[in-house]
Amino acid sequence: MDAAAVGSDFEKGQRQYHRICAQCHGRNMVNSGVTVYDLRRFPLDQPNRFFASVSKGKGNMPSFGEALTAEQMRWLWIYVSSRGKSSQ
C-alpha cells in the first residue's frame, strides 16, 4: 500500500475513532487505563485480537460487528496501531 493510501486510511481511522471510540477510550487514546483499556498499549503484533474485540466486544466493550464494516475496522487498526501519530 502506498504512503498516500496509508495516510488517507489513517485519517479515516482517526475520524472513525473520534466518532465511535473516543467516548470511552479517550480523545487521541488518552485515558487512565483504569476503567477502560489504554489503546496506546495494545500489542501491535495482535491485530486479530483487536478485530475480534471490536467486532465481538469484550468485557464492558460492546460489539461493533453489526455497526462497522471490515474496512472501517481496518482504518481503526491503522489509527490505533500507529498510536495516533500519522507517519506523514
PDB file of N, CA and C in Angstrom:
ATOM      1  N   MET A   1       0.858  -1.175   0.000  1.00  0.00           N
ATOM      2  CA  MET A   1       0.000   0.000   0.000  1.00  0.00           C
ATOM      3  C   MET A   1       0.903   1.236   0.000  1.00  0.00           C
ATOM      4  N   ASP A   2       0.607   2.205  -0.851  1.00  0.00           N
ATOM      5  CA  ASP A   2       1.474   3.379  -0.911  1.00  0.00           C
ATOM      6  C   ASP A   2       1.211   4.325   0.257  1.00  0.00           C
ATOM      7  N   ALA A   3       2.150   5.244   0.478  1.00  0.00           N
ATOM      8  CA  ALA A   3       2.096   6.148   1.624  1.00  0.00           C
ATOM      9  C   ALA A   3       0.847   7.026   1.614  1.00  0.00           C
ATOM     10  N   ALA A   4       0.423   7.464   0.429  1.00  0.00           N
ATOM     11  CA  ALA A   4      -0.774   8.311   0.344  1.00  0.00           C
ATOM     12  C   ALA A   4      -2.008   7.542   0.800  1.00  0.00           C
ATOM     13  N   ALA A   5      -2.102   6.281   0.381  1.00  0.00           N
ATOM     14  CA  ALA A   5      -3.252   5.455   0.784  1.00  0.00           C
ATOM     15  C   ALA A   5      -3.236   5.230   2.288  1.00  0.00           C
ATOM     16  N   VAL A   6      -2.062   4.947   2.846  1.00  0.00           N
ATOM     17  CA  VAL A   6      -1.960   4.734   4.289  1.00  0.00           C
ATOM     18  C   VAL A   6      -2.330   6.012   5.023  1.00  0.00           C
ATOM     19  N   GLY A   7      -1.844   7.166   4.552  1.00  0.00           N
ATOM     20  CA  GLY A   7      -2.180   8.447   5.177  1.00  0.00           C
ATOM     21  C   GLY A   7      -3.667   8.709   5.156  1.00  0.00           C
ATOM     22  N   SER A   8      -4.287   8.426   4.026  1.00  0.00           N
ATOM     23  CA  SER A   8      -5.730   8.611   3.898  1.00  0.00           C
ATOM     24  C   SER A   8      -6.476   7.667   4.836  1.00  0.00           C
ATOM     25  N   ASP A   9      -6.032   6.420   4.926  1.00  0.00           N
ATOM     26  CA  ASP A   9      -6.669   5.451   5.815  1.00  0.00           C
ATOM     27  C   ASP A   9      -6.455   5.824   7.277  1.00  0.00           C
ATOM     28  N   PHE A  10      -5.294   6.392   7.601  1.00  0.00           N
ATOM     29  CA  PHE A  10      -5.043   6.874   8.960  1.00  0.00           C
ATOM     30  C   PHE A  10      -6.072   7.946   9.318  1.00  0.00           C
ATOM     31  N   GLU A  11      -6.275   8.890   8.413  1.00  0.00           N
ATOM     32  CA  GLU A  11      -7.239   9.969   8.668  1.00  0.00           C
ATOM     33  C   GLU A  11      -8.652   9.426   8.801  1.00  0.00           C
ATOM     34  N   LYS A  12      -9.005   8.446   7.992  1.00  0.00           N
ATOM     35  CA  LYS A  12     -10.325   7.823   8.107  1.00  0.00           C
ATOM     36  C   LYS A  12     -10.445   7.114   9.452  1.00  0.00           C
ATOM     37  N   GLY A  13      -9.384   6.425   9.851  1.00  0.00           N
ATOM     38  CA  GLY A  13      -9.383   5.740  11.141  1.00  0.00           C
ATOM     39  C   GLY A  13      -9.473   6.711  12.296  1.00  0.00           C
ATOM     40  N   GLN A  14      -8.787   7.835  12.180  1.00  0.00           N
ATOM     41  CA  GLN A  14      -8.838   8.855  13.219  1.00  0.00           C
ATOM     42  C   GLN A  14     -10.253   9.413  13.360  1.00  0.00           C
ATOM     43  N   ARG A  15     -10.889   9.701  12.228  1.00  0.00           N
ATOM     44  CA  ARG A  15     -12.276  10.203  12.274  1.00  0.00           C
ATOM     45  C   ARG A  15     -13.204   9.147  12.860  1.00  0.00           C
ATOM     46  N   GLN A  16     -13.026   7.900  12.425  1.00  0.00           N
ATOM     47  CA  GLN A  16     -13.859   6.800  12.929  1.00  0.00           C
ATOM     48  C   GLN A  16     -13.658   6.642  14.433  1.00  0.00           C
ATOM     49  N   TYR A  17     -12.411   6.696  14.876  1.00  0.00           N
ATOM     50  CA  TYR A  17     -12.103   6.575  16.297  1.00  0.00           C
ATOM     51  C   TYR A  17     -12.815   7.667  17.098  1.00  0.00           C
ATOM     52  N   HIS A  18     -12.703   8.909  16.652  1.00  0.00           N
ATOM     53  CA  HIS A  18     -13.308  10.017  17.397  1.00  0.00           C
ATOM     54  C   HIS A  18     -14.831   9.956  17.367  1.00  0.00           C
ATOM     55  N   ARG A  19     -15.385   9.344  16.343  1.00  0.00           N
ATOM     56  CA  ARG A  19     -16.837   9.204  16.244  1.00  0.00           C
ATOM     57  C   ARG A  19     -17.344   8.082  17.155  1.00  0.00           C
ATOM     58  N   ILE A  20     -16.594   6.989  17.259  1.00  0.00           N
ATOM     59  CA  ILE A  20     -17.116   5.799  17.929  1.00  0.00           C
ATOM     60  C   ILE A  20     -16.373   5.418  19.213  1.00  0.00           C
ATOM     61  N   CYS A  21     -15.081   5.594  19.264  1.00  0.00           N
ATOM     62  CA  CYS A  21     -14.278   5.049  20.360  1.00  0.00           C
ATOM     63  C   CYS A  21     -13.900   6.053  21.442  1.00  0.00           C
ATOM     64  N   ALA A  22     -13.756   7.316  21.050  1.00  0.00           N
ATOM     65  CA  ALA A  22     -13.211   8.319  21.971  1.00  0.00           C
ATOM     66  C   ALA A  22     -14.044   8.502  23.229  1.00  0.00           C
ATOM     67  N   GLN A  23     -15.343   8.283  23.133  1.00  0.00           N
ATOM     68  CA  GLN A  23     -16.204   8.463  24.299  1.00  0.00           C
ATOM     69  C   GLN A  23     -15.719   7.608  25.470  1.00  0.00           C
ATOM     70  N   CYS A  24     -15.276   6.400  25.180  1.00  0.00           N
ATOM     71  CA  CYS A  24     -14.802   5.511  26.243  1.00  0.00           C
ATOM     72  C   CYS A  24     -13.278   5.479  26.358  1.00  0.00           C
ATOM     73  N   HIS A  25     -12.590   5.422  25.225  1.00  0.00           N
ATOM     74  CA  HIS A  25     -11.138   5.242  25.237  1.00  0.00           C
ATOM     75  C   HIS A  25     -10.364   6.551  25.285  1.00  0.00           C
ATOM     76  N   GLY A  26     -11.065   7.668  25.242  1.00  0.00           N
ATOM     77  CA  GLY A  26     -10.416   8.962  25.384  1.00  0.00           C
ATOM     78  C   GLY A  26     -10.010   9.596  24.067  1.00  0.00           C
ATOM     79  N   ARG A  27     -10.050  10.900  24.057  1.00  0.00           N
ATOM     80  CA  ARG A  27      -9.623  11.653  22.879  1.00  0.00           C
ATOM     81  C   ARG A  27      -8.149  11.352  22.614  1.00  0.00           C
ATOM     82  N   ASN A  28      -7.841  11.032  21.386  1.00  0.00           N
ATOM     83  CA  ASN A  28      -6.468  10.674  20.991  1.00  0.00           C
ATOM     84  C   ASN A  28      -5.918   9.503  21.799  1.00  0.00           C
ATOM     85  N   MET A  29      -6.816   8.624  22.247  1.00  0.00           N
ATOM     86  CA  MET A  29      -6.481   7.415  23.001  1.00  0.00           C
ATOM     87  C   MET A  29      -5.900   7.712  24.373  1.00  0.00           C
ATOM     88  N   VAL A  30      -6.053   8.905  24.891  1.00  0.00           N
ATOM     89  CA  VAL A  30      -5.507   9.264  26.192  1.00  0.00           C
ATOM     90  C   VAL A  30      -6.568   9.023  27.263  1.00  0.00           C
ATOM     91  N   ASN A  31      -6.294   8.068  28.134  1.00  0.00           N
ATOM     92  CA  ASN A  31      -7.144   7.789  29.283  1.00  0.00           C
ATOM     93  C   ASN A  31      -6.283   7.156  30.360  1.00  0.00           C
ATOM     94  N   SER A  32      -6.822   7.006  31.518  1.00  0.00           N
ATOM     95  CA  SER A  32      -6.051   6.485  32.655  1.00  0.00           C
ATOM     96  C   SER A  32      -5.761   4.990  32.540  1.00  0.00           C
ATOM     97  N   GLY A  33      -6.536   4.288  31.695  1.00  0.00           N
ATOM     98  CA  GLY A  33      -6.344   2.850  31.583  1.00  0.00           C
ATOM     99  C   GLY A  33      -6.898   2.090  32.776  1.00  0.00           C
ATOM    100  N   VAL A  34      -7.605   2.791  33.664  1.00  0.00           N
ATOM    101  CA  VAL A  34      -8.145   2.148  34.870  1.00  0.00           C
ATOM    102  C   VAL A  34      -9.499   1.509  34.580  1.00  0.00           C
ATOM    103  N   THR A  35     -10.403   2.246  33.964  1.00  0.00           N
ATOM    104  CA  THR A  35     -11.748   1.711  33.733  1.00  0.00           C
ATOM    105  C   THR A  35     -11.925   1.149  32.315  1.00  0.00           C
ATOM    106  N   VAL A  36     -11.141   1.610  31.374  1.00  0.00           N
ATOM    107  CA  VAL A  36     -11.169   1.072  30.011  1.00  0.00           C
ATOM    108  C   VAL A  36      -9.742   0.822  29.559  1.00  0.00           C
ATOM    109  N   TYR A  37      -9.608  -0.028  28.568  1.00  0.00           N
ATOM    110  CA  TYR A  37      -8.285  -0.405  28.073  1.00  0.00           C
ATOM    111  C   TYR A  37      -7.585   0.798  27.438  1.00  0.00           C
ATOM    112  N   ASP A  38      -6.317   0.990  27.780  1.00  0.00           N
ATOM    113  CA  ASP A  38      -5.494   2.046  27.193  1.00  0.00           C
ATOM    114  C   ASP A  38      -4.988   1.541  25.843  1.00  0.00           C
ATOM    115  N   LEU A  39      -5.610   2.001  24.761  1.00  0.00           N
ATOM    116  CA  LEU A  39      -5.291   1.505  23.427  1.00  0.00           C
ATOM    117  C   LEU A  39      -3.875   1.833  22.977  1.00  0.00           C
ATOM    118  N   ARG A  40      -3.228   2.785  23.617  1.00  0.00           N
ATOM    119  CA  ARG A  40      -1.835   3.093  23.273  1.00  0.00           C
ATOM    120  C   ARG A  40      -0.916   1.947  23.662  1.00  0.00           C
ATOM    121  N   ARG A  41      -1.427   1.024  24.471  1.00  0.00           N
ATOM    122  CA  ARG A  41      -0.632  -0.125  24.920  1.00  0.00           C
ATOM    123  C   ARG A  41      -1.056  -1.427  24.235  1.00  0.00           C
ATOM    124  N   PHE A  42      -1.949  -1.324  23.252  1.00  0.00           N
ATOM    125  CA  PHE A  42      -2.420  -2.538  22.578  1.00  0.00           C
ATOM    126  C   PHE A  42      -1.239  -3.194  21.853  1.00  0.00           C
ATOM    127  N   PRO A  43      -1.062  -4.495  22.008  1.00  0.00           N
ATOM    128  CA  PRO A  43       0.059  -5.181  21.351  1.00  0.00           C
ATOM    129  C   PRO A  43      -0.030  -5.064  19.824  1.00  0.00           C
ATOM    130  N   LEU A  44       1.002  -4.498  19.227  1.00  0.00           N
ATOM    131  CA  LEU A  44       0.995  -4.266  17.784  1.00  0.00           C
ATOM    132  C   LEU A  44       1.063  -5.558  16.973  1.00  0.00           C
ATOM    133  N   ASP A  45       1.497  -6.634  17.611  1.00  0.00           N
ATOM    134  CA  ASP A  45       1.589  -7.903  16.903  1.00  0.00           C
ATOM    135  C   ASP A  45       0.318  -8.747  17.040  1.00  0.00           C
ATOM    136  N   GLN A  46      -0.782  -8.118  17.503  1.00  0.00           N
ATOM    137  CA  GLN A  46      -2.033  -8.853  17.700  1.00  0.00           C
ATOM    138  C   GLN A  46      -3.230  -8.183  17.006  1.00  0.00           C
ATOM    139  N   PRO A  47      -3.118  -7.903  15.704  1.00  0.00           N
ATOM    140  CA  PRO A  47      -4.248  -7.267  15.030  1.00  0.00           C
ATOM    141  C   PRO A  47      -5.510  -8.120  15.065  1.00  0.00           C
ATOM    142  N   ASN A  48      -5.368  -9.447  15.023  1.00  0.00           N
ATOM    143  CA  ASN A  48      -6.560 -10.308  15.055  1.00  0.00           C
ATOM    144  C   ASN A  48      -7.300 -10.161  16.378  1.00  0.00           C
ATOM    145  N   ARG A  49      -6.565  -9.971  17.457  1.00  0.00           N
ATOM    146  CA  ARG A  49      -7.193  -9.741  18.772  1.00  0.00           C
ATOM    147  C   ARG A  49      -7.970  -8.423  18.753  1.00  0.00           C
ATOM    148  N   PHE A  50      -7.404  -7.400  18.131  1.00  0.00           N
ATOM    149  CA  PHE A  50      -8.080  -6.111  18.005  1.00  0.00           C
ATOM    150  C   PHE A  50      -9.382  -6.268  17.230  1.00  0.00           C
ATOM    151  N   PHE A  51      -9.304  -6.923  16.065  1.00  0.00           N
ATOM    152  CA  PHE A  51     -10.502  -7.094  15.229  1.00  0.00           C
ATOM    153  C   PHE A  51     -11.566  -7.918  15.951  1.00  0.00           C
ATOM    154  N   ALA A  52     -11.157  -8.940  16.680  1.00  0.00           N
ATOM    155  CA  ALA A  52     -12.121  -9.758  17.434  1.00  0.00           C
ATOM    156  C   ALA A  52     -12.788  -8.926  18.529  1.00  0.00           C
ATOM    157  N   SER A  53     -12.015  -8.110  19.236  1.00  0.00           N
ATOM    158  CA  SER A  53     -12.567  -7.279  20.301  1.00  0.00           C
ATOM    159  C   SER A  53     -13.557  -6.258  19.751  1.00  0.00           C
ATOM    160  N   VAL A  54     -13.202  -5.636  18.622  1.00  0.00           N
ATOM    161  CA  VAL A  54     -14.081  -4.628  18.029  1.00  0.00           C
ATOM    162  C   VAL A  54     -15.342  -5.277  17.483  1.00  0.00           C
ATOM    163  N   SER A  55     -15.190  -6.379  16.784  1.00  0.00           N
ATOM    164  CA  SER A  55     -16.357  -6.974  16.132  1.00  0.00           C
ATOM    165  C   SER A  55     -17.263  -7.740  17.093  1.00  0.00           C
ATOM    166  N   LYS A  56     -16.685  -8.390  18.113  1.00  0.00           N
ATOM    167  CA  LYS A  56     -17.492  -9.222  19.017  1.00  0.00           C
ATOM    168  C   LYS A  56     -17.698  -8.612  20.397  1.00  0.00           C
ATOM    169  N   GLY A  57     -16.907  -7.573  20.721  1.00  0.00           N
ATOM    170  CA  GLY A  57     -16.962  -6.996  22.050  1.00  0.00           C
ATOM    171  C   GLY A  57     -16.103  -7.796  23.007  1.00  0.00           C
ATOM    172  N   LYS A  58     -15.807  -7.190  24.147  1.00  0.00           N
ATOM    173  CA  LYS A  58     -15.007  -7.888  25.157  1.00  0.00           C
ATOM    174  C   LYS A  58     -15.202  -7.170  26.481  1.00  0.00           C
ATOM    175  N   GLY A  59     -15.541  -7.902  27.511  1.00  0.00           N
ATOM    176  CA  GLY A  59     -15.773  -7.288  28.812  1.00  0.00           C
ATOM    177  C   GLY A  59     -16.884  -6.259  28.716  1.00  0.00           C
ATOM    178  N   ASN A  60     -16.593  -5.030  29.122  1.00  0.00           N
ATOM    179  CA  ASN A  60     -17.581  -3.944  29.066  1.00  0.00           C
ATOM    180  C   ASN A  60     -17.717  -3.333  27.669  1.00  0.00           C
ATOM    181  N   MET A  61     -16.828  -3.715  26.767  1.00  0.00           N
ATOM    182  CA  MET A  61     -16.885  -3.139  25.426  1.00  0.00           C
ATOM    183  C   MET A  61     -17.960  -3.832  24.598  1.00  0.00           C
ATOM    184  N   PRO A  62     -18.842  -3.035  24.002  1.00  0.00           N
ATOM    185  CA  PRO A  62     -19.891  -3.637  23.177  1.00  0.00           C
ATOM    186  C   PRO A  62     -19.344  -4.124  21.839  1.00  0.00           C
ATOM    187  N   SER A  63     -20.116  -4.944  21.189  1.00  0.00           N
ATOM    188  CA  SER A  63     -19.789  -5.435  19.859  1.00  0.00           C
ATOM    189  C   SER A  63     -20.096  -4.371  18.812  1.00  0.00           C
ATOM    190  N   PHE A  64     -19.170  -4.179  17.894  1.00  0.00           N
ATOM    191  CA  PHE A  64     -19.393  -3.252  16.790  1.00  0.00           C
ATOM    192  C   PHE A  64     -19.445  -3.986  15.451  1.00  0.00           C
ATOM    193  N   GLY A  65     -19.558  -5.318  15.507  1.00  0.00           N
ATOM    194  CA  GLY A  65     -19.584  -6.126  14.293  1.00  0.00           C
ATOM    195  C   GLY A  65     -20.730  -5.802  13.358  1.00  0.00           C
ATOM    196  N   GLU A  66     -21.841  -5.370  13.895  1.00  0.00           N
ATOM    197  CA  GLU A  66     -23.008  -5.019  13.076  1.00  0.00           C
ATOM    198  C   GLU A  66     -22.966  -3.557  12.641  1.00  0.00           C
ATOM    199  N   ALA A  67     -22.177  -2.742  13.346  1.00  0.00           N
ATOM    200  CA  ALA A  67     -22.155  -1.296  13.093  1.00  0.00           C
ATOM    201  C   ALA A  67     -21.014  -0.853  12.184  1.00  0.00           C
ATOM    202  N   LEU A  68     -19.932  -1.625  12.140  1.00  0.00           N
ATOM    203  CA  LEU A  68     -18.759  -1.248  11.354  1.00  0.00           C
ATOM    204  C   LEU A  68     -18.464  -2.280  10.287  1.00  0.00           C
ATOM    205  N   THR A  69     -18.015  -1.814   9.147  1.00  0.00           N
ATOM    206  CA  THR A  69     -17.580  -2.727   8.092  1.00  0.00           C
ATOM    207  C   THR A  69     -16.157  -3.191   8.394  1.00  0.00           C
ATOM    208  N   ALA A  70     -15.727  -4.226   7.708  1.00  0.00           N
ATOM    209  CA  ALA A  70     -14.347  -4.696   7.865  1.00  0.00           C
ATOM    210  C   ALA A  70     -13.363  -3.587   7.494  1.00  0.00           C
ATOM    211  N   GLU A  71     -13.694  -2.809   6.497  1.00  0.00           N
ATOM    212  CA  GLU A  71     -12.824  -1.712   6.082  1.00  0.00           C
ATOM    213  C   GLU A  71     -12.733  -0.639   7.171  1.00  0.00           C
ATOM    214  N   GLN A  72     -13.841  -0.307   7.808  1.00  0.00           N
ATOM    215  CA  GLN A  72     -13.826   0.674   8.895  1.00  0.00           C
ATOM    216  C   GLN A  72     -12.995   0.164  10.076  1.00  0.00           C
ATOM    217  N   MET A  73     -13.086  -1.122  10.366  1.00  0.00           N
ATOM    218  CA  MET A  73     -12.273  -1.703  11.436  1.00  0.00           C
ATOM    219  C   MET A  73     -10.795  -1.651  11.061  1.00  0.00           C
ATOM    220  N   ARG A  74     -10.493  -1.867   9.787  1.00  0.00           N
ATOM    221  CA  ARG A  74      -9.103  -1.791   9.322  1.00  0.00           C
ATOM    222  C   ARG A  74      -8.575  -0.372   9.501  1.00  0.00           C
ATOM    223  N   TRP A  75      -9.393   0.630   9.177  1.00  0.00           N
ATOM    224  CA  TRP A  75      -8.995   2.031   9.386  1.00  0.00           C
ATOM    225  C   TRP A  75      -8.705   2.279  10.867  1.00  0.00           C
ATOM    226  N   LEU A  76      -9.574   1.759  11.723  1.00  0.00           N
ATOM    227  CA  LEU A  76      -9.351   1.919  13.161  1.00  0.00           C
ATOM    228  C   LEU A  76      -8.026   1.285  13.578  1.00  0.00           C
ATOM    229  N   TRP A  77      -7.739   0.104  13.041  1.00  0.00           N
ATOM    230  CA  TRP A  77      -6.480  -0.563  13.384  1.00  0.00           C
ATOM    231  C   TRP A  77      -5.280   0.276  12.926  1.00  0.00           C
ATOM    232  N   ILE A  78      -5.352   0.846  11.747  1.00  0.00           N
ATOM    233  CA  ILE A  78      -4.258   1.702  11.266  1.00  0.00           C
ATOM    234  C   ILE A  78      -4.043   2.853  12.242  1.00  0.00           C
ATOM    235  N   TYR A  79      -5.127   3.464  12.698  1.00  0.00           N
ATOM    236  CA  TYR A  79      -5.024   4.577  13.644  1.00  0.00           C
ATOM    237  C   TYR A  79      -4.483   4.097  14.992  1.00  0.00           C
ATOM    238  N   VAL A  80      -5.076   3.051  15.550  1.00  0.00           N
ATOM    239  CA  VAL A  80      -4.674   2.568  16.870  1.00  0.00           C
ATOM    240  C   VAL A  80      -3.246   2.027  16.834  1.00  0.00           C
ATOM    241  N   SER A  81      -2.892   1.274  15.806  1.00  0.00           N
ATOM    242  CA  SER A  81      -1.562   0.690  15.746  1.00  0.00           C
ATOM    243  C   SER A  81      -0.471   1.725  15.493  1.00  0.00           C
ATOM    244  N   SER A  82      -0.854   2.897  15.039  1.00  0.00           N
ATOM    245  CA  SER A  82       0.123   3.985  14.863  1.00  0.00           C
ATOM    246  C   SER A  82       0.254   4.798  16.146  1.00  0.00           C
ATOM    247  N   ARG A  83      -0.495   4.386  17.170  1.00  0.00           N
ATOM    248  CA  ARG A  83      -0.541   5.104  18.449  1.00  0.00           C
ATOM    249  C   ARG A  83      -1.066   6.528  18.264  1.00  0.00           C
ATOM    250  N   GLY A  84      -1.864   6.720  17.207  1.00  0.00           N
ATOM    251  CA  GLY A  84      -2.476   8.022  16.965  1.00  0.00           C
ATOM    252  C   GLY A  84      -1.554   9.040  16.339  1.00  0.00           C
ATOM    253  N   LYS A  85      -0.423   8.579  15.828  1.00  0.00           N
ATOM    254  CA  LYS A  85       0.539   9.502  15.215  1.00  0.00           C
ATOM    255  C   LYS A  85       0.699   9.168  13.738  1.00  0.00           C
ATOM    256  N   SER A  86       0.361  10.122  12.900  1.00  0.00           N
ATOM    257  CA  SER A  86       0.454   9.938  11.454  1.00  0.00           C
ATOM    258  C   SER A  86       1.916   9.824  11.038  1.00  0.00           C
ATOM    259  N   SER A  87       2.162   8.952  10.075  1.00  0.00           N
ATOM    260  CA  SER A  87       3.524   8.800   9.542  1.00  0.00           C
ATOM    261  C   SER A  87       3.850   9.856   8.501  1.00  0.00           C
ATOM    262  N   GLN A  88       2.884  10.733   8.230  1.00  0.00           N
ATOM    263  CA  GLN A  88       3.118  11.759   7.206  1.00  0.00           C
ATOM    264  C   GLN A  88       3.405  13.092   7.806  1.00  0.00           C
TER     265      GLN A  88
END
